[in-house]
PDB file of N, CA and C in Angstrom:
ATOM      1  N   MET A   1     -12.304  18.489  -2.384  1.00  0.00           N
ATOM      2  CA  MET A   1     -11.005  19.125  -2.454  1.00  0.00           C
ATOM      3  C   MET A   1     -11.116  20.273  -3.454  1.00  0.00           C
ATOM      4  N   THR A   2     -10.631  21.420  -3.046  1.00  0.00           N
ATOM      5  CA  THR A   2     -10.716  22.586  -3.926  1.00  0.00           C
ATOM      6  C   THR A   2      -9.644  22.508  -5.004  1.00  0.00           C
ATOM      7  N   ASP A   3      -9.896  23.233  -6.083  1.00  0.00           N
ATOM      8  CA  ASP A   3      -8.933  23.224  -7.189  1.00  0.00           C
ATOM      9  C   ASP A   3      -7.560  23.716  -6.744  1.00  0.00           C
ATOM     10  N   SER A   4      -7.533  24.737  -5.890  1.00  0.00           N
ATOM     11  CA  SER A   4      -6.238  25.266  -5.460  1.00  0.00           C
ATOM     12  C   SER A   4      -5.507  24.263  -4.565  1.00  0.00           C
ATOM     13  N   ALA A   5      -6.246  23.562  -3.711  1.00  0.00           N
ATOM     14  CA  ALA A   5      -5.611  22.551  -2.866  1.00  0.00           C
ATOM     15  C   ALA A   5      -5.081  21.408  -3.724  1.00  0.00           C
ATOM     16  N   GLU A   6      -5.859  21.012  -4.717  1.00  0.00           N
ATOM     17  CA  GLU A   6      -5.437  19.958  -5.642  1.00  0.00           C
ATOM     18  C   GLU A   6      -4.191  20.390  -6.396  1.00  0.00           C
ATOM     19  N   SER A   7      -4.188  21.605  -6.870  1.00  0.00           N
ATOM     20  CA  SER A   7      -3.047  22.130  -7.621  1.00  0.00           C
ATOM     21  C   SER A   7      -1.798  22.190  -6.750  1.00  0.00           C
ATOM     22  N   ARG A   8      -1.947  22.684  -5.533  1.00  0.00           N
ATOM     23  CA  ARG A   8      -0.798  22.758  -4.615  1.00  0.00           C
ATOM     24  C   ARG A   8      -0.263  21.363  -4.303  1.00  0.00           C
ATOM     25  N   ALA A   9      -1.173  20.418  -4.108  1.00  0.00           N
ATOM     26  CA  ALA A   9      -0.756  19.044  -3.799  1.00  0.00           C
ATOM     27  C   ALA A   9       0.006  18.433  -4.972  1.00  0.00           C
ATOM     28  N   ARG A  10      -0.501  18.607  -6.169  1.00  0.00           N
ATOM     29  CA  ARG A  10       0.185  18.068  -7.349  1.00  0.00           C
ATOM     30  C   ARG A  10       1.561  18.695  -7.521  1.00  0.00           C
ATOM     31  N   LYS A  11       1.631  20.009  -7.350  1.00  0.00           N
ATOM     32  CA  LYS A  11       2.913  20.695  -7.488  1.00  0.00           C
ATOM     33  C   LYS A  11       3.900  20.205  -6.437  1.00  0.00           C
ATOM     34  N   ALA A  12       3.431  20.047  -5.210  1.00  0.00           N
ATOM     35  CA  ALA A  12       4.309  19.577  -4.134  1.00  0.00           C
ATOM     36  C   ALA A  12       4.786  18.150  -4.399  1.00  0.00           C
ATOM     37  N   LEU A  13       3.888  17.286  -4.854  1.00  0.00           N
ATOM     38  CA  LEU A  13       4.283  15.917  -5.185  1.00  0.00           C
ATOM     39  C   LEU A  13       5.314  15.901  -6.308  1.00  0.00           C
ATOM     40  N   ASN A  14       5.101  16.727  -7.317  1.00  0.00           N
ATOM     41  CA  ASN A  14       6.055  16.786  -8.427  1.00  0.00           C
ATOM     42  C   ASN A  14       7.411  17.304  -7.975  1.00  0.00           C
ATOM     43  N   ARG A  15       7.405  18.310  -7.106  1.00  0.00           N
ATOM     44  CA  ARG A  15       8.685  18.838  -6.588  1.00  0.00           C
ATOM     45  C   ARG A  15       9.409  17.774  -5.777  1.00  0.00           C
ATOM     46  N   LEU A  16       8.656  17.061  -4.933  1.00  0.00           N
ATOM     47  CA  LEU A  16       9.262  16.006  -4.121  1.00  0.00           C
ATOM     48  C   LEU A  16       9.827  14.905  -5.006  1.00  0.00           C
ATOM     49  N   ARG A  17       9.086  14.511  -6.024  1.00  0.00           N
ATOM     50  CA  ARG A  17       9.553  13.467  -6.945  1.00  0.00           C
ATOM     51  C   ARG A  17      10.839  13.908  -7.648  1.00  0.00           C
ATOM     52  N   ARG A  18      10.845  15.128  -8.174  1.00  0.00           N
ATOM     53  CA  ARG A  18      12.050  15.619  -8.861  1.00  0.00           C
ATOM     54  C   ARG A  18      13.238  15.699  -7.904  1.00  0.00           C
ATOM     55  N   ALA A  19      12.981  16.105  -6.672  1.00  0.00           N
ATOM     56  CA  ALA A  19      14.061  16.195  -5.682  1.00  0.00           C
ATOM     57  C   ALA A  19      14.653  14.805  -5.407  1.00  0.00           C
ATOM     58  N   MET A  20      13.790  13.798  -5.314  1.00  0.00           N
ATOM     59  CA  MET A  20      14.281  12.443  -5.053  1.00  0.00           C
ATOM     60  C   MET A  20      15.014  11.874  -6.270  1.00  0.00           C
ATOM     61  N   GLU A  21      14.538  12.184  -7.459  1.00  0.00           N
ATOM     62  CA  GLU A  21      15.244  11.756  -8.668  1.00  0.00           C
ATOM     63  C   GLU A  21      16.619  12.396  -8.732  1.00  0.00           C
ATOM     64  N   LYS A  22      16.692  13.681  -8.389  1.00  0.00           N
ATOM     65  CA  LYS A  22      17.983  14.372  -8.368  1.00  0.00           C
ATOM     66  C   LYS A  22      18.869  13.795  -7.266  1.00  0.00           C
ATOM     67  N   ALA A  23      18.280  13.464  -6.124  1.00  0.00           N
ATOM     68  CA  ALA A  23      19.056  12.872  -5.032  1.00  0.00           C
ATOM     69  C   ALA A  23      19.697  11.560  -5.479  1.00  0.00           C
ATOM     70  N   LEU A  24      18.974  10.754  -6.241  1.00  0.00           N
ATOM     71  CA  LEU A  24      19.554   9.505  -6.748  1.00  0.00           C
ATOM     72  C   LEU A  24      20.720   9.773  -7.693  1.00  0.00           C
ATOM     73  N   ILE A  25      20.564  10.763  -8.550  1.00  0.00           N
ATOM     74  CA  ILE A  25      21.649  11.112  -9.476  1.00  0.00           C
ATOM     75  C   ILE A  25      22.874  11.583  -8.702  1.00  0.00           C
ATOM     76  N   ASP A  26      22.648  12.445  -7.711  1.00  0.00           N
ATOM     77  CA  ASP A  26      23.760  12.956  -6.900  1.00  0.00           C
ATOM     78  C   ASP A  26      24.382  11.846  -6.057  1.00  0.00           C
ATOM     79  N   LEU A  27      23.563  10.948  -5.541  1.00  0.00           N
ATOM     80  CA  LEU A  27      24.076   9.824  -4.758  1.00  0.00           C
ATOM     81  C   LEU A  27      24.953   8.931  -5.633  1.00  0.00           C
ATOM     82  N   ASP A  28      24.533   8.683  -6.860  1.00  0.00           N
ATOM     83  CA  ASP A  28      25.337   7.889  -7.794  1.00  0.00           C
ATOM     84  C   ASP A  28      26.692   8.551  -8.045  1.00  0.00           C
ATOM     85  N   ALA A  29      26.680   9.870  -8.257  1.00  0.00           N
ATOM     86  CA  ALA A  29      27.929  10.592  -8.511  1.00  0.00           C
ATOM     87  C   ALA A  29      28.846  10.537  -7.288  1.00  0.00           C
ATOM     88  N   LEU A  30      28.277  10.737  -6.106  1.00  0.00           N
ATOM     89  CA  LEU A  30      29.064  10.680  -4.876  1.00  0.00           C
ATOM     90  C   LEU A  30      29.639   9.289  -4.658  1.00  0.00           C
ATOM     91  N   GLU A  31      28.787   8.293  -4.842  1.00  0.00           N
ATOM     92  CA  GLU A  31      29.235   6.909  -4.659  1.00  0.00           C
ATOM     93  C   GLU A  31      30.357   6.562  -5.629  1.00  0.00           C
ATOM     94  N   SER A  32      30.202   6.974  -6.857  1.00  0.00           N
ATOM     95  CA  SER A  32      31.222   6.683  -7.862  1.00  0.00           C
ATOM     96  C   SER A  32      32.562   7.311  -7.490  1.00  0.00           C
ATOM     97  N   ALA A  33      32.519   8.558  -7.067  1.00  0.00           N
ATOM     98  CA  ALA A  33      33.758   9.258  -6.709  1.00  0.00           C
ATOM     99  C   ALA A  33      34.407   8.651  -5.466  1.00  0.00           C
ATOM    100  N   LEU A  34      33.609   8.405  -4.451  1.00  0.00           N
ATOM    101  CA  LEU A  34      34.181   7.899  -3.203  1.00  0.00           C
ATOM    102  C   LEU A  34      34.556   6.427  -3.266  1.00  0.00           C
ATOM    103  N   ALA A  35      33.773   5.635  -3.965  1.00  0.00           N
ATOM    104  CA  ALA A  35      34.062   4.204  -4.037  1.00  0.00           C
ATOM    105  C   ALA A  35      35.413   3.960  -4.685  1.00  0.00           C
ATOM    106  N   SER A  36      35.701   4.719  -5.735  1.00  0.00           N
ATOM    107  CA  SER A  36      37.001   4.525  -6.383  1.00  0.00           C
ATOM    108  C   SER A  36      38.133   5.038  -5.505  1.00  0.00           C
ATOM    109  N   ALA A  37      37.892   6.077  -4.735  1.00  0.00           N
ATOM    110  CA  ALA A  37      38.933   6.639  -3.874  1.00  0.00           C
ATOM    111  C   ALA A  37      39.153   5.793  -2.614  1.00  0.00           C
ATOM    112  N   GLU A  38      38.079   5.258  -2.040  1.00  0.00           N
ATOM    113  CA  GLU A  38      38.179   4.540  -0.772  1.00  0.00           C
ATOM    114  C   GLU A  38      38.389   3.035  -0.928  1.00  0.00           C
ATOM    115  N   GLY A  39      38.035   2.513  -2.070  1.00  0.00           N
ATOM    116  CA  GLY A  39      38.226   1.073  -2.289  1.00  0.00           C
ATOM    117  C   GLY A  39      37.405   0.238  -1.334  1.00  0.00           C
ATOM    118  N   GLU A  40      38.056  -0.668  -0.629  1.00  0.00           N
ATOM    119  CA  GLU A  40      37.372  -1.603   0.283  1.00  0.00           C
ATOM    120  C   GLU A  40      36.762  -0.915   1.499  1.00  0.00           C
ATOM    121  N   ASP A  41      37.230   0.280   1.836  1.00  0.00           N
ATOM    122  CA  ASP A  41      36.704   0.998   3.001  1.00  0.00           C
ATOM    123  C   ASP A  41      35.375   1.698   2.723  1.00  0.00           C
ATOM    124  N   PHE A  42      34.956   1.706   1.488  1.00  0.00           N
ATOM    125  CA  PHE A  42      33.720   2.408   1.125  1.00  0.00           C
ATOM    126  C   PHE A  42      32.501   1.675   1.697  1.00  0.00           C
ATOM    127  N   PRO A  43      31.580   2.404   2.351  1.00  0.00           N
ATOM    128  CA  PRO A  43      30.411   1.772   2.987  1.00  0.00           C
ATOM    129  C   PRO A  43      29.274   1.479   1.984  1.00  0.00           C
ATOM    130  N   ARG A  44      29.456   0.468   1.177  1.00  0.00           N
ATOM    131  CA  ARG A  44      28.491   0.131   0.119  1.00  0.00           C
ATOM    132  C   ARG A  44      27.093  -0.141   0.674  1.00  0.00           C
ATOM    133  N   ARG A  45      27.006  -0.810   1.800  1.00  0.00           N
ATOM    134  CA  ARG A  45      25.692  -1.135   2.374  1.00  0.00           C
ATOM    135  C   ARG A  45      24.940   0.123   2.786  1.00  0.00           C
ATOM    136  N   ALA A  46      25.634   1.097   3.312  1.00  0.00           N
ATOM    137  CA  ALA A  46      24.990   2.352   3.717  1.00  0.00           C
ATOM    138  C   ALA A  46      24.421   3.068   2.492  1.00  0.00           C
ATOM    139  N   TYR A  47      25.166   3.073   1.414  1.00  0.00           N
ATOM    140  CA  TYR A  47      24.696   3.720   0.193  1.00  0.00           C
ATOM    141  C   TYR A  47      23.517   2.960  -0.411  1.00  0.00           C
ATOM    142  N   ALA A  48      23.588   1.637  -0.364  1.00  0.00           N
ATOM    143  CA  ALA A  48      22.471   0.829  -0.873  1.00  0.00           C
ATOM    144  C   ALA A  48      21.221   1.070  -0.033  1.00  0.00           C
ATOM    145  N   GLY A  49      21.397   1.198   1.272  1.00  0.00           N
ATOM    146  CA  GLY A  49      20.265   1.474   2.159  1.00  0.00           C
ATOM    147  C   GLY A  49      19.641   2.828   1.871  1.00  0.00           C
ATOM    148  N   LEU A  50      20.468   3.820   1.654  1.00  0.00           N
ATOM    149  CA  LEU A  50      19.959   5.150   1.328  1.00  0.00           C
ATOM    150  C   LEU A  50      19.232   5.135  -0.007  1.00  0.00           C
ATOM    151  N   ARG A  51      19.798   4.439  -0.986  1.00  0.00           N
ATOM    152  CA  ARG A  51      19.153   4.331  -2.302  1.00  0.00           C
ATOM    153  C   ARG A  51      17.773   3.672  -2.158  1.00  0.00           C
ATOM    154  N   SER A  52      17.690   2.680  -1.301  1.00  0.00           N
ATOM    155  CA  SER A  52      16.414   1.997  -1.064  1.00  0.00           C
ATOM    156  C   SER A  52      15.396   2.942  -0.423  1.00  0.00           C
ATOM    157  N   ARG A  53      15.829   3.731   0.534  1.00  0.00           N
ATOM    158  CA  ARG A  53      14.916   4.670   1.191  1.00  0.00           C
ATOM    159  C   ARG A  53      14.437   5.757   0.237  1.00  0.00           C
ATOM    160  N   ILE A  54      15.319   6.224  -0.630  1.00  0.00           N
ATOM    161  CA  ILE A  54      14.905   7.199  -1.641  1.00  0.00           C
ATOM    162  C   ILE A  54      13.882   6.551  -2.575  1.00  0.00           C
ATOM    163  N   GLY A  55      14.107   5.291  -2.916  1.00  0.00           N
ATOM    164  CA  GLY A  55      13.147   4.555  -3.735  1.00  0.00           C
ATOM    165  C   GLY A  55      11.788   4.460  -3.062  1.00  0.00           C
ATOM    166  N   GLU A  56      11.778   4.310  -1.737  1.00  0.00           N
ATOM    167  CA  GLU A  56      10.518   4.279  -0.999  1.00  0.00           C
ATOM    168  C   GLU A  56       9.792   5.613  -1.090  1.00  0.00           C
ATOM    169  N   VAL A  57      10.533   6.703  -1.038  1.00  0.00           N
ATOM    170  CA  VAL A  57       9.910   8.025  -1.164  1.00  0.00           C
ATOM    171  C   VAL A  57       9.334   8.190  -2.569  1.00  0.00           C
ATOM    172  N   LEU A  58      10.052   7.725  -3.582  1.00  0.00           N
ATOM    173  CA  LEU A  58       9.538   7.794  -4.949  1.00  0.00           C
ATOM    174  C   LEU A  58       8.256   6.970  -5.092  1.00  0.00           C
ATOM    175  N   GLU A  59       8.240   5.804  -4.488  1.00  0.00           N
ATOM    176  CA  GLU A  59       7.043   4.965  -4.516  1.00  0.00           C
ATOM    177  C   GLU A  59       5.889   5.665  -3.792  1.00  0.00           C
ATOM    178  N   PHE A  60       6.191   6.327  -2.691  1.00  0.00           N
ATOM    179  CA  PHE A  60       5.185   7.091  -1.952  1.00  0.00           C
ATOM    180  C   PHE A  60       4.590   8.190  -2.822  1.00  0.00           C
ATOM    181  N   THR A  61       5.435   8.902  -3.570  1.00  0.00           N
ATOM    182  CA  THR A  61       4.915   9.977  -4.412  1.00  0.00           C
ATOM    183  C   THR A  61       4.003   9.422  -5.498  1.00  0.00           C
ATOM    184  N   ASP A  62       4.350   8.262  -6.044  1.00  0.00           N
ATOM    185  CA  ASP A  62       3.486   7.628  -7.047  1.00  0.00           C
ATOM    186  C   ASP A  62       2.138   7.235  -6.441  1.00  0.00           C
ATOM    187  N   ASP A  63       2.190   6.638  -5.248  1.00  0.00           N
ATOM    188  CA  ASP A  63       0.956   6.223  -4.574  1.00  0.00           C
ATOM    189  C   ASP A  63       0.082   7.423  -4.240  1.00  0.00           C
ATOM    190  N   GLU A  64       0.688   8.488  -3.768  1.00  0.00           N
ATOM    191  CA  GLU A  64      -0.072   9.683  -3.415  1.00  0.00           C
ATOM    192  C   GLU A  64      -0.664  10.349  -4.653  1.00  0.00           C
ATOM    193  N   ALA A  65       0.073  10.343  -5.752  1.00  0.00           N
ATOM    194  CA  ALA A  65      -0.453  10.917  -6.991  1.00  0.00           C
ATOM    195  C   ALA A  65      -1.673  10.131  -7.463  1.00  0.00           C
ATOM    196  N   THR A  66      -1.611   8.811  -7.359  1.00  0.00           N
ATOM    197  CA  THR A  66      -2.745   7.963  -7.731  1.00  0.00           C
ATOM    198  C   THR A  66      -3.927   8.222  -6.812  1.00  0.00           C
ATOM    199  N   ARG A  67      -3.656   8.302  -5.511  1.00  0.00           N
ATOM    200  CA  ARG A  67      -4.717   8.551  -4.533  1.00  0.00           C
ATOM    201  C   ARG A  67      -5.376   9.906  -4.778  1.00  0.00           C
ATOM    202  N   LEU A  68      -4.571  10.919  -5.065  1.00  0.00           N
ATOM    203  CA  LEU A  68      -5.093  12.252  -5.333  1.00  0.00           C
ATOM    204  C   LEU A  68      -5.969  12.246  -6.586  1.00  0.00           C
ATOM    205  N   GLN A  69      -5.504  11.576  -7.615  1.00  0.00           N
ATOM    206  CA  GLN A  69      -6.268  11.509  -8.852  1.00  0.00           C
ATOM    207  C   GLN A  69      -7.618  10.820  -8.618  1.00  0.00           C
ATOM    208  N   GLU A  70      -7.617   9.732  -7.871  1.00  0.00           N
ATOM    209  CA  GLU A  70      -8.872   9.030  -7.571  1.00  0.00           C
ATOM    210  C   GLU A  70      -9.823   9.919  -6.786  1.00  0.00           C
ATOM    211  N   LYS A  71      -9.273  10.652  -5.839  1.00  0.00           N
ATOM    212  CA  LYS A  71     -10.094  11.550  -5.021  1.00  0.00           C
ATOM    213  C   LYS A  71     -10.721  12.647  -5.883  1.00  0.00           C
ATOM    214  N   VAL A  72      -9.951  13.195  -6.802  1.00  0.00           N
ATOM    215  CA  VAL A  72     -10.455  14.242  -7.693  1.00  0.00           C
ATOM    216  C   VAL A  72     -11.540  13.682  -8.610  1.00  0.00           C
ATOM    217  N   LEU A  73     -11.309  12.481  -9.136  1.00  0.00           N
ATOM    218  CA  LEU A  73     -12.314  11.860 -10.002  1.00  0.00           C
ATOM    219  C   LEU A  73     -13.609  11.587  -9.248  1.00  0.00           C
ATOM    220  N   GLN A  74     -13.488  11.101  -8.026  1.00  0.00           N
ATOM    221  CA  GLN A  74     -14.679  10.835  -7.220  1.00  0.00           C
ATOM    222  C   GLN A  74     -15.422  12.123  -6.912  1.00  0.00           C
ATOM    223  N   ALA A  75     -14.700  13.169  -6.625  1.00  0.00           N
ATOM    224  CA  ALA A  75     -15.339  14.458  -6.336  1.00  0.00           C
ATOM    225  C   ALA A  75     -16.073  14.973  -7.569  1.00  0.00           C
ATOM    226  N   GLY A  76     -15.589  14.601  -8.745  1.00  0.00           N
ATOM    227  CA  GLY A  76     -16.237  15.000  -9.994  1.00  0.00           C
ATOM    228  C   GLY A  76     -17.334  14.044 -10.416  1.00  0.00           C
ATOM    229  N   GLY A  77     -17.597  13.025  -9.613  1.00  0.00           N
ATOM    230  CA  GLY A  77     -18.675  12.090  -9.902  1.00  0.00           C
ATOM    231  C   GLY A  77     -18.275  10.906 -10.758  1.00  0.00           C
ATOM    232  N   LEU A  78     -16.986  10.683 -10.935  1.00  0.00           N
ATOM    233  CA  LEU A  78     -16.523   9.552 -11.737  1.00  0.00           C
ATOM    234  C   LEU A  78     -15.985   8.462 -10.825  1.00  0.00           C
ATOM    235  N   GLU A  79     -16.272   7.232 -11.180  1.00  0.00           N
ATOM    236  CA  GLU A  79     -15.754   6.110 -10.408  1.00  0.00           C
ATOM    237  C   GLU A  79     -14.360   5.757 -10.883  1.00  0.00           C
ATOM    238  N   HIS A  80     -13.567   5.237  -9.951  1.00  0.00           N
ATOM    239  CA  HIS A  80     -12.226   4.788 -10.293  1.00  0.00           C
ATOM    240  C   HIS A  80     -12.334   3.665 -11.332  1.00  0.00           C
ATOM    241  N   GLY A  81     -11.499   3.730 -12.346  1.00  0.00           N
ATOM    242  CA  GLY A  81     -11.497   2.715 -13.379  1.00  0.00           C
ATOM    243  C   GLY A  81     -12.438   2.997 -14.537  1.00  0.00           C
ATOM    244  N   ARG A  82     -13.246   4.035 -14.427  1.00  0.00           N
ATOM    245  CA  ARG A  82     -14.200   4.355 -15.485  1.00  0.00           C
ATOM    246  C   ARG A  82     -13.607   5.276 -16.545  1.00  0.00           C
ATOM    247  N   VAL A  83     -12.485   5.879 -16.248  1.00  0.00           N
ATOM    248  CA  VAL A  83     -11.860   6.797 -17.192  1.00  0.00           C
ATOM    249  C   VAL A  83     -10.750   6.041 -17.915  1.00  0.00           C
ATOM    250  N   ARG A  84     -10.800   6.077 -19.218  1.00  0.00           N
ATOM    251  CA  ARG A  84      -9.771   5.400 -20.017  1.00  0.00           C
ATOM    252  C   ARG A  84      -8.926   6.457 -20.704  1.00  0.00           C
ATOM    253  N   ARG A  85      -7.643   6.199 -20.706  1.00  0.00           N
ATOM    254  CA  ARG A  85      -6.730   7.120 -21.368  1.00  0.00           C
ATOM    255  C   ARG A  85      -6.557   6.701 -22.809  1.00  0.00           C
ATOM    256  N   ARG A  86      -6.499   7.689 -23.658  1.00  0.00           N
ATOM    257  CA  ARG A  86      -6.241   7.406 -25.072  1.00  0.00           C
ATOM    258  C   ARG A  86      -4.763   7.243 -25.279  1.00  0.00           C
ATOM    259  N   THR A  87      -4.410   6.320 -26.121  1.00  0.00           N
ATOM    260  CA  THR A  87      -2.997   6.144 -26.475  1.00  0.00           C
ATOM    261  C   THR A  87      -2.855   6.449 -27.945  1.00  0.00           C
ATOM    262  N   GLY A  88      -1.730   7.031 -28.241  1.00  0.00           N
ATOM    263  CA  GLY A  88      -1.446   7.315 -29.646  1.00  0.00           C
ATOM    264  C   GLY A  88      -1.858   8.627 -30.016  1.00  0.00           C
TER     265      GLY A  88
END
C-alpha cells in the first residue's frame, strides 16, 4: 500500500467516524425534542434501531483502522503484536 493510499484511507476513516459521532449527537438532540413533543406517539424503537446501526458503522471504522494499521506494519516488515506503545 502506498503512503498516499494509506493517508487517504486514514483520512476517509476519520471523516466517517467524525460524521457518525456527529450523527449520534444530532440524533440525540432530535430525539429529545420530538420525544417530549410527541409523548407516547414517538417511535422510540425506530430511533433505537438507528442508533444501533450508527454504532455498527462506528465499530466498522474501528475495525478498518486496525486492519489498515496491521497491513501497514506488515508492509514495513513488522509482525502484528510486535509493536508496543509507550504509555505516559
